[in-house]
Amino acid sequence: GLQVNQIPLERILQPGEPLKVVCSITGTDNPNLYWYRWTLTDGFKLMFSSLGVGNVDPENLGDLSSNRPGPLQIVLESKSVTDVGSVVWFCAASPHSITDHSESCTKTLRDENCFSS
């Protein structure tokens, strides 16, 4: 089945430090890929989405950028993070751009394996 792997899985940063998180997907050919941000005040919020190689919307968001170098990989980067407080980033994948997310997969810190709803 569809699997999502984030490297590093967990990292704590101070403002001003660089960030790079690589998300790799297995179990499908060319999925749609997403970066979600979770905060205590806003909950989960979709920040970046990609429907194919070289296509990320938006490419930049404040001090963060995302790119998709290959069909099974998406990268989240910042030369100098400015977020203060607790922010958690999650990579997610879906085999198609369908509204039914029964085949979607998200890697979380609590779950070693992805789940299907």
N, C-alpha and C. Protein backbone atom coordinates (compact mmCIF):
# COMPACT_ATOMS: atom_id res chain seq x y z
N GLY A 1 0.80 -1.18 0.00
CA GLY A 1 0.00 0.00 0.00
C GLY A 1 0.85 1.26 0.00
N LEU A 2 0.20 2.36 -0.02
CA LEU A 2 0.81 3.68 -0.03
C LEU A 2 1.50 3.95 1.30
N GLN A 3 2.77 4.38 1.25
CA GLN A 3 3.53 4.70 2.47
C GLN A 3 4.22 6.05 2.31
N VAL A 4 4.28 6.79 3.41
CA VAL A 4 4.93 8.11 3.46
C VAL A 4 6.08 8.04 4.46
N ASN A 5 7.25 8.51 4.05
CA ASN A 5 8.42 8.55 4.94
C ASN A 5 9.00 9.95 4.95
N GLN A 6 9.09 10.55 6.15
CA GLN A 6 9.67 11.87 6.32
C GLN A 6 11.05 11.73 6.95
N ILE A 7 12.04 12.47 6.39
CA ILE A 7 13.39 12.48 6.96
C ILE A 7 13.83 13.93 7.09
N PRO A 8 14.15 14.40 8.31
CA PRO A 8 14.05 13.66 9.55
C PRO A 8 12.60 13.57 10.02
N LEU A 9 12.32 12.54 10.77
CA LEU A 9 10.97 12.35 11.29
C LEU A 9 10.64 13.40 12.35
N GLU A 10 11.64 13.78 13.13
CA GLU A 10 11.43 14.71 14.21
C GLU A 10 12.63 15.63 14.33
N ARG A 11 12.38 16.94 14.44
CA ARG A 11 13.47 17.89 14.60
C ARG A 11 12.93 19.12 15.31
N ILE A 12 13.64 19.60 16.31
CA ILE A 12 13.25 20.80 17.04
C ILE A 12 14.22 21.91 16.65
N LEU A 13 13.67 23.04 16.21
CA LEU A 13 14.48 24.15 15.72
C LEU A 13 14.25 25.41 16.53
N GLN A 14 15.26 26.24 16.57
CA GLN A 14 15.15 27.58 17.14
C GLN A 14 14.99 28.56 15.97
N PRO A 15 14.32 29.70 16.19
CA PRO A 15 14.22 30.69 15.11
C PRO A 15 15.61 31.04 14.57
N GLY A 16 15.69 31.15 13.24
CA GLY A 16 16.95 31.47 12.58
C GLY A 16 17.70 30.26 12.06
N GLU A 17 17.33 29.05 12.50
CA GLU A 17 18.01 27.84 12.03
C GLU A 17 17.42 27.39 10.69
N PRO A 18 18.23 26.70 9.87
CA PRO A 18 17.72 26.19 8.60
C PRO A 18 16.88 24.92 8.81
N LEU A 19 16.00 24.67 7.84
CA LEU A 19 15.14 23.50 7.89
C LEU A 19 15.16 22.82 6.53
N LYS A 20 15.25 21.49 6.54
CA LYS A 20 15.05 20.71 5.32
C LYS A 20 14.43 19.38 5.72
N VAL A 21 13.24 19.12 5.18
CA VAL A 21 12.54 17.86 5.43
C VAL A 21 12.23 17.25 4.06
N VAL A 22 12.64 16.00 3.87
CA VAL A 22 12.39 15.29 2.62
C VAL A 22 11.32 14.24 2.87
N CYS A 23 10.31 14.24 2.02
CA CYS A 23 9.22 13.28 2.13
C CYS A 23 9.27 12.38 0.90
N SER A 24 9.38 11.07 1.13
CA SER A 24 9.43 10.08 0.05
C SER A 24 8.22 9.16 0.13
N ILE A 25 7.69 8.79 -1.02
CA ILE A 25 6.47 7.99 -1.12
C ILE A 25 6.77 6.66 -1.79
N THR A 26 6.15 5.59 -1.32
CA THR A 26 6.22 4.29 -1.99
C THR A 26 4.80 3.74 -2.10
N GLY A 27 4.61 2.82 -3.03
CA GLY A 27 3.33 2.14 -3.16
C GLY A 27 2.39 2.71 -4.20
N THR A 28 2.85 3.71 -4.95
CA THR A 28 2.06 4.29 -6.03
C THR A 28 3.01 4.94 -7.03
N ASP A 29 2.53 5.25 -8.22
CA ASP A 29 3.41 5.76 -9.27
C ASP A 29 3.68 7.26 -9.22
N ASN A 30 2.64 8.07 -9.20
CA ASN A 30 2.80 9.52 -9.26
C ASN A 30 1.70 10.19 -8.45
N PRO A 31 1.79 10.12 -7.12
CA PRO A 31 0.72 10.63 -6.27
C PRO A 31 0.69 12.16 -6.22
N ASN A 32 -0.42 12.68 -5.75
CA ASN A 32 -0.47 14.08 -5.35
C ASN A 32 0.17 14.15 -3.97
N LEU A 33 0.99 15.18 -3.74
CA LEU A 33 1.71 15.31 -2.47
C LEU A 33 1.36 16.63 -1.80
N TYR A 34 1.37 16.62 -0.48
CA TYR A 34 0.93 17.77 0.30
C TYR A 34 1.80 17.97 1.53
N TRP A 35 1.95 19.23 1.95
CA TRP A 35 2.52 19.58 3.24
C TRP A 35 1.43 20.26 4.06
N TYR A 36 1.16 19.73 5.25
CA TYR A 36 0.22 20.33 6.19
C TYR A 36 0.99 20.87 7.38
N ARG A 37 0.53 21.99 7.90
CA ARG A 37 1.09 22.56 9.13
C ARG A 37 0.05 22.42 10.24
N TRP A 38 0.52 21.99 11.40
CA TRP A 38 -0.36 21.87 12.56
C TRP A 38 0.13 22.82 13.63
N THR A 39 -0.78 23.64 14.15
CA THR A 39 -0.49 24.47 15.31
C THR A 39 -1.63 24.29 16.31
N LEU A 40 -1.34 24.59 17.54
CA LEU A 40 -2.35 24.46 18.60
C LEU A 40 -3.56 25.36 18.33
N THR A 41 -3.33 26.55 17.80
CA THR A 41 -4.43 27.48 17.57
C THR A 41 -5.21 27.20 16.29
N ASP A 42 -4.52 26.76 15.21
CA ASP A 42 -5.19 26.57 13.92
C ASP A 42 -5.50 25.13 13.57
N GLY A 43 -4.92 24.18 14.28
CA GLY A 43 -5.08 22.78 13.91
C GLY A 43 -4.34 22.50 12.62
N PHE A 44 -4.86 21.59 11.78
CA PHE A 44 -4.23 21.24 10.51
C PHE A 44 -4.62 22.25 9.43
N LYS A 45 -3.63 22.68 8.66
CA LYS A 45 -3.88 23.60 7.55
C LYS A 45 -3.01 23.20 6.37
N LEU A 46 -3.63 23.02 5.19
CA LEU A 46 -2.88 22.70 3.98
C LEU A 46 -2.05 23.91 3.59
N MET A 47 -0.72 23.71 3.42
CA MET A 47 0.16 24.81 3.08
C MET A 47 0.74 24.70 1.67
N PHE A 48 1.10 23.50 1.24
CA PHE A 48 1.67 23.27 -0.09
C PHE A 48 1.00 22.04 -0.70
N SER A 49 0.77 22.07 -2.01
CA SER A 49 0.26 20.90 -2.69
C SER A 49 0.99 20.74 -4.02
N SER A 50 1.11 19.50 -4.47
CA SER A 50 1.80 19.21 -5.72
C SER A 50 1.06 18.12 -6.48
N LEU A 51 0.74 18.40 -7.74
CA LEU A 51 0.05 17.42 -8.58
C LEU A 51 1.01 16.71 -9.53
N GLY A 52 2.29 17.12 -9.54
CA GLY A 52 3.27 16.47 -10.42
C GLY A 52 4.65 17.05 -10.23
N VAL A 53 5.64 16.40 -10.84
CA VAL A 53 7.04 16.81 -10.73
C VAL A 53 7.20 18.26 -11.18
N GLY A 54 7.94 19.04 -10.37
CA GLY A 54 8.21 20.43 -10.70
C GLY A 54 7.06 21.38 -10.46
N ASN A 55 5.96 20.88 -9.89
CA ASN A 55 4.76 21.68 -9.70
C ASN A 55 4.38 21.67 -8.23
N VAL A 56 4.63 22.78 -7.52
CA VAL A 56 4.21 22.92 -6.13
C VAL A 56 3.48 24.25 -6.02
N ASP A 57 2.33 24.24 -5.35
CA ASP A 57 1.52 25.45 -5.19
C ASP A 57 1.27 25.72 -3.72
N PRO A 58 1.70 26.85 -3.18
CA PRO A 58 2.63 27.80 -3.79
C PRO A 58 4.06 27.27 -3.68
N GLU A 59 4.99 27.84 -4.42
CA GLU A 59 6.39 27.42 -4.31
C GLU A 59 7.04 28.00 -3.05
N ASN A 60 6.63 29.22 -2.70
CA ASN A 60 7.17 29.91 -1.52
C ASN A 60 6.02 30.41 -0.67
N LEU A 61 6.25 30.37 0.64
CA LEU A 61 5.27 30.85 1.60
C LEU A 61 6.05 31.42 2.77
N GLY A 62 6.21 32.74 2.78
CA GLY A 62 7.03 33.36 3.81
C GLY A 62 8.47 32.90 3.67
N ASP A 63 9.04 32.41 4.76
CA ASP A 63 10.43 31.94 4.75
C ASP A 63 10.55 30.48 4.29
N LEU A 64 9.44 29.84 3.97
CA LEU A 64 9.43 28.43 3.57
C LEU A 64 9.27 28.28 2.07
N SER A 65 9.86 27.21 1.55
CA SER A 65 9.67 26.85 0.15
C SER A 65 9.51 25.35 0.05
N SER A 66 8.89 24.92 -1.04
CA SER A 66 8.72 23.49 -1.28
C SER A 66 9.00 23.23 -2.75
N ASN A 67 9.61 22.07 -3.02
CA ASN A 67 9.84 21.67 -4.41
C ASN A 67 9.63 20.18 -4.53
N ARG A 68 9.38 19.77 -5.76
CA ARG A 68 9.14 18.35 -6.04
C ARG A 68 10.13 17.89 -7.11
N PRO A 69 11.29 17.37 -6.67
CA PRO A 69 12.34 16.99 -7.62
C PRO A 69 12.05 15.71 -8.40
N GLY A 70 11.15 14.88 -7.91
CA GLY A 70 10.84 13.62 -8.58
C GLY A 70 9.40 13.23 -8.32
N PRO A 71 8.90 12.18 -9.00
CA PRO A 71 7.49 11.80 -8.87
C PRO A 71 7.11 11.30 -7.48
N LEU A 72 8.09 10.83 -6.71
CA LEU A 72 7.79 10.23 -5.40
C LEU A 72 8.46 10.98 -4.25
N GLN A 73 8.73 12.28 -4.45
CA GLN A 73 9.43 13.03 -3.41
C GLN A 73 9.00 14.50 -3.42
N ILE A 74 8.84 15.06 -2.22
CA ILE A 74 8.58 16.49 -2.06
C ILE A 74 9.44 16.97 -0.89
N VAL A 75 9.95 18.20 -1.01
CA VAL A 75 10.90 18.73 -0.03
C VAL A 75 10.34 20.03 0.54
N LEU A 76 10.51 20.21 1.85
CA LEU A 76 10.15 21.43 2.56
C LEU A 76 11.44 22.04 3.07
N GLU A 77 11.68 23.34 2.78
CA GLU A 77 12.94 23.97 3.16
C GLU A 77 12.75 25.39 3.65
N SER A 78 13.71 25.82 4.48
CA SER A 78 13.82 27.21 4.89
C SER A 78 15.28 27.49 5.21
N LYS A 79 15.80 28.61 4.73
CA LYS A 79 17.17 28.98 5.07
C LYS A 79 17.26 29.47 6.50
N SER A 80 16.13 30.00 7.01
CA SER A 80 16.10 30.53 8.36
C SER A 80 14.65 30.59 8.84
N VAL A 81 14.24 29.63 9.68
CA VAL A 81 12.85 29.59 10.13
C VAL A 81 12.54 30.78 11.03
N THR A 82 11.32 31.29 10.88
CA THR A 82 10.90 32.43 11.70
C THR A 82 9.74 32.09 12.61
N ASP A 83 9.10 30.91 12.42
CA ASP A 83 7.98 30.53 13.28
C ASP A 83 8.44 30.44 14.73
N VAL A 84 7.67 31.01 15.63
CA VAL A 84 7.93 30.91 17.05
C VAL A 84 6.77 30.15 17.66
N GLY A 85 7.05 29.18 18.51
CA GLY A 85 6.00 28.38 19.11
C GLY A 85 5.99 26.99 18.49
N SER A 86 4.99 26.22 18.85
CA SER A 86 4.90 24.84 18.39
C SER A 86 4.25 24.77 17.01
N VAL A 87 5.02 24.30 16.04
CA VAL A 87 4.55 24.08 14.68
C VAL A 87 5.02 22.69 14.28
N VAL A 88 4.09 21.87 13.78
CA VAL A 88 4.44 20.53 13.34
C VAL A 88 4.05 20.42 11.87
N TRP A 89 4.98 19.88 11.06
CA TRP A 89 4.74 19.70 9.63
C TRP A 89 4.49 18.23 9.33
N PHE A 90 3.50 17.97 8.47
CA PHE A 90 3.16 16.61 8.07
C PHE A 90 3.12 16.53 6.55
N CYS A 91 3.71 15.49 6.03
CA CYS A 91 3.64 15.20 4.61
C CYS A 91 2.50 14.22 4.39
N ALA A 92 1.74 14.41 3.30
CA ALA A 92 0.64 13.51 2.98
C ALA A 92 0.66 13.22 1.48
N ALA A 93 0.07 12.08 1.11
CA ALA A 93 0.03 11.67 -0.29
C ALA A 93 -1.33 11.08 -0.61
N SER A 94 -1.75 11.26 -1.85
CA SER A 94 -2.98 10.69 -2.36
C SER A 94 -2.72 10.21 -3.77
N PRO A 95 -3.19 9.01 -4.14
CA PRO A 95 -2.92 8.49 -5.48
C PRO A 95 -3.53 9.33 -6.60
N HIS A 96 -4.62 10.07 -6.35
CA HIS A 96 -5.24 10.92 -7.38
C HIS A 96 -5.79 12.16 -6.72
N SER A 97 -6.29 13.05 -7.53
CA SER A 97 -6.90 14.27 -7.00
C SER A 97 -8.39 14.05 -6.77
N ILE A 98 -8.70 13.06 -5.96
CA ILE A 98 -10.10 12.74 -5.68
C ILE A 98 -10.52 13.35 -4.35
N THR A 99 -11.78 13.62 -4.19
CA THR A 99 -12.25 14.21 -2.94
C THR A 99 -12.41 13.16 -1.84
N ASP A 100 -12.56 11.90 -2.21
CA ASP A 100 -12.65 10.82 -1.23
C ASP A 100 -11.23 10.44 -0.85
N HIS A 101 -10.85 10.70 0.39
CA HIS A 101 -9.47 10.46 0.82
C HIS A 101 -9.29 9.09 1.46
N SER A 102 -10.08 8.12 1.06
CA SER A 102 -9.98 6.79 1.66
C SER A 102 -8.65 6.12 1.33
N GLU A 103 -7.95 6.58 0.30
CA GLU A 103 -6.66 6.00 -0.08
C GLU A 103 -5.50 6.93 0.25
N SER A 104 -5.74 7.97 1.06
CA SER A 104 -4.67 8.90 1.39
C SER A 104 -3.83 8.35 2.53
N CYS A 105 -2.64 8.90 2.68
CA CYS A 105 -1.72 8.42 3.70
C CYS A 105 -0.96 9.59 4.27
N THR A 106 -0.87 9.66 5.60
CA THR A 106 -0.15 10.72 6.28
C THR A 106 0.78 10.11 7.31
N LYS A 107 2.01 10.56 7.35
CA LYS A 107 2.97 10.08 8.34
C LYS A 107 2.86 10.98 9.57
N THR A 108 2.68 10.37 10.73
CA THR A 108 2.63 11.14 11.97
C THR A 108 3.71 10.64 12.91
N LEU A 109 4.00 11.44 13.93
CA LEU A 109 5.00 11.04 14.91
C LEU A 109 4.51 9.87 15.76
N ARG A 110 3.21 9.75 15.92
CA ARG A 110 2.66 8.70 16.77
C ARG A 110 2.51 7.37 16.06
N ASP A 111 2.27 7.42 14.76
CA ASP A 111 2.00 6.20 14.00
C ASP A 111 3.19 5.86 13.11
N GLU A 112 3.73 4.67 13.26
CA GLU A 112 4.85 4.23 12.42
C GLU A 112 4.36 3.85 11.04
N ASN A 113 3.10 3.45 10.91
CA ASN A 113 2.55 3.08 9.62
C ASN A 113 1.45 4.04 9.24
N CYS A 114 1.24 4.20 7.96
CA CYS A 114 0.17 5.07 7.48
C CYS A 114 -1.17 4.37 7.69
N PHE A 115 -2.21 5.15 7.59
CA PHE A 115 -3.54 4.61 7.83
C PHE A 115 -4.44 4.93 6.66
N SER A 116 -5.44 4.13 6.47
CA SER A 116 -6.51 4.42 5.52
C SER A 116 -7.80 4.56 6.29
N SER A 117 -8.58 5.55 5.90
CA SER A 117 -9.84 5.77 6.62
C SER A 117 -10.98 5.09 5.93
